[in-house]
Amino acid sequence: QVQVVESGGRLVQAGDSLRLSCAASGRATDVYLTAWFRQAPGTEREFVAGINRNGLITDYATSVKGRFTISRDRTEYTMYLQMNSLKPEDTAVYYCAGGGPVSVAPRSEKEYEYWGRGTQVTVSS
């Protein structure tokens, strides 16, 4: 069984930076974490950033491009989201996803098999 756990979310002020982490464990040898999504209250979950298996191809939602950076470590079972210049509209529960295509990270959540429970990021103005 695979477990996916996000961490690092907390309350910050607008303009601050925050780094989220996501780790896969259990039978994780075939699980590649490749995308971050987020969900604000009353909205649907949306794609934030994606990274392919070798880390050479990344993709970002327009709203975060230039402020957020997705990366992974060498083990491929831990993934990060560096968030800079945070805005109140970035407030959401952030989820990481894996088990989907690895050559490129799709933007559709339907493509992913494994999800964490999320970590709350709150940005105050």
Protein backbone atom coordinates (compact mmCIF):
# COMPACT_ATOMS: atom_id res chain seq x y z
CA GLN A 1 0.00 0.00 0.00
CA VAL A 2 1.23 3.47 -0.86
CA GLN A 3 1.02 6.45 1.46
CA VAL A 4 1.45 10.01 0.30
CA VAL A 5 1.95 12.71 2.91
CA GLU A 6 2.23 16.46 2.44
CA SER A 7 3.77 18.79 5.00
CA GLY A 8 4.87 22.37 5.44
CA GLY A 9 1.61 24.26 5.26
CA ARG A 10 0.96 27.01 7.78
CA LEU A 11 -0.26 30.57 8.24
CA VAL A 12 1.95 33.19 6.61
CA GLN A 13 1.67 36.83 5.57
CA ALA A 14 1.39 38.12 2.04
CA GLY A 15 4.82 38.33 0.44
CA ASP A 16 6.27 35.52 2.54
CA SER A 17 7.76 32.29 1.24
CA LEU A 18 6.89 28.72 2.12
CA ARG A 19 8.18 25.31 1.10
CA LEU A 20 5.86 22.34 0.93
CA SER A 21 7.13 18.77 0.94
CA CYS A 22 5.51 15.57 -0.18
CA ALA A 23 6.76 12.05 0.44
CA ALA A 24 5.61 8.66 -0.76
CA SER A 25 6.15 5.59 1.36
CA GLY A 26 5.04 2.02 1.57
CA ARG A 27 5.09 0.24 -1.78
CA ALA A 28 6.35 3.39 -3.35
CA THR A 29 8.89 1.96 -5.76
CA ASP A 30 6.53 2.42 -8.69
CA VAL A 31 4.98 5.67 -7.54
CA TYR A 32 6.37 8.87 -8.92
CA LEU A 33 5.07 12.05 -7.37
CA THR A 34 4.64 14.49 -10.18
CA ALA A 35 2.08 17.18 -9.45
CA TRP A 36 0.72 19.66 -6.94
CA PHE A 37 -2.91 20.69 -6.86
CA ARG A 38 -4.81 23.01 -4.55
CA GLN A 39 -8.37 23.57 -3.46
CA ALA A 40 -9.74 26.74 -1.94
CA PRO A 41 -13.08 26.74 -0.07
CA GLY A 42 -16.02 26.55 -2.42
CA THR A 43 -13.90 25.85 -5.48
CA GLU A 44 -12.81 22.81 -7.42
CA ARG A 45 -9.36 21.37 -7.03
CA GLU A 46 -6.99 22.95 -9.53
CA PHE A 47 -3.61 22.13 -10.99
CA VAL A 48 -0.71 24.16 -9.59
CA ALA A 49 2.50 22.61 -10.88
CA GLY A 50 3.84 19.43 -12.45
CA ILE A 51 7.22 17.83 -12.98
CA ASN A 52 8.17 14.83 -15.05
CA ARG A 53 10.09 11.87 -13.74
CA ASN A 54 13.58 13.13 -14.52
CA GLY A 55 12.78 16.63 -13.37
CA LEU A 56 13.62 18.24 -16.67
CA ILE A 57 10.12 19.21 -17.70
CA THR A 58 7.98 21.39 -15.46
CA ASP A 59 4.61 23.02 -15.93
CA TYR A 60 2.89 25.73 -13.93
CA ALA A 61 -0.53 27.25 -13.70
CA THR A 62 -0.53 30.81 -14.97
CA SER A 63 -1.47 32.12 -11.53
CA VAL A 64 1.72 30.79 -9.92
CA LYS A 65 4.23 30.91 -12.76
CA GLY A 66 7.31 32.86 -11.75
CA ARG A 67 6.50 32.57 -8.04
CA PHE A 68 6.35 28.80 -7.41
CA THR A 69 8.97 26.17 -8.17
CA ILE A 70 8.38 22.44 -8.21
CA SER A 71 11.27 20.03 -7.68
CA ARG A 72 12.06 16.51 -6.55
CA ASP A 73 14.97 14.90 -4.79
CA ARG A 74 17.20 12.19 -6.20
CA THR A 75 15.20 9.37 -4.69
CA GLU A 76 12.18 10.50 -6.75
CA TYR A 77 9.94 9.76 -3.79
CA THR A 78 10.01 13.23 -2.30
CA MET A 79 8.73 16.29 -4.08
CA TYR A 80 8.73 19.96 -3.11
CA LEU A 81 6.88 23.14 -3.90
CA GLN A 82 8.75 26.34 -3.17
CA MET A 83 6.25 29.19 -2.97
CA ASN A 84 7.50 32.77 -3.02
CA SER A 85 5.69 36.10 -2.98
CA LEU A 86 2.61 34.47 -1.57
CA LYS A 87 -0.73 36.18 -2.04
CA PRO A 88 -4.01 35.82 -0.13
CA GLU A 89 -5.48 34.12 -3.20
CA ASP A 90 -2.95 31.31 -2.74
CA THR A 91 -4.83 30.27 0.39
CA ALA A 92 -5.94 26.67 -0.10
CA VAL A 93 -5.36 23.08 0.85
CA TYR A 94 -2.44 21.85 -1.20
CA TYR A 95 -2.32 18.25 -2.39
CA CYS A 96 0.40 16.28 -4.07
CA ALA A 97 -0.37 13.55 -6.54
CA GLY A 98 1.40 10.60 -8.09
CA GLY A 99 0.90 7.40 -9.97
CA GLY A 100 0.11 9.15 -13.21
CA PRO A 101 2.06 9.53 -16.44
CA VAL A 102 5.73 10.23 -15.80
CA SER A 103 6.94 11.61 -19.13
CA VAL A 104 4.90 14.73 -18.53
CA ALA A 105 2.62 15.67 -15.64
CA PRO A 106 -0.99 16.05 -16.77
CA ARG A 107 -3.11 18.92 -15.51
CA SER A 108 -6.16 16.74 -14.99
CA GLU A 109 -6.57 15.24 -11.54
CA LYS A 110 -8.21 12.19 -13.12
CA GLU A 111 -4.80 11.10 -14.39
CA TYR A 112 -3.43 10.48 -10.88
CA GLU A 113 -3.93 7.41 -8.74
CA TYR A 114 -2.32 8.45 -5.45
CA TRP A 115 -3.12 11.49 -3.36
CA GLY A 116 -2.15 12.86 -0.01
CA ARG A 117 -4.63 14.30 2.47
CA GLY A 118 -3.38 17.82 1.89
CA THR A 119 -1.70 20.56 3.87
CA GLN A 120 -3.34 23.89 4.63
CA VAL A 121 -1.70 27.08 3.42
CA THR A 122 -3.22 30.32 4.65
CA VAL A 123 -1.92 33.67 3.47
CA SER A 124 -3.08 36.72 5.38
CA SER A 125 -3.17 40.16 3.83
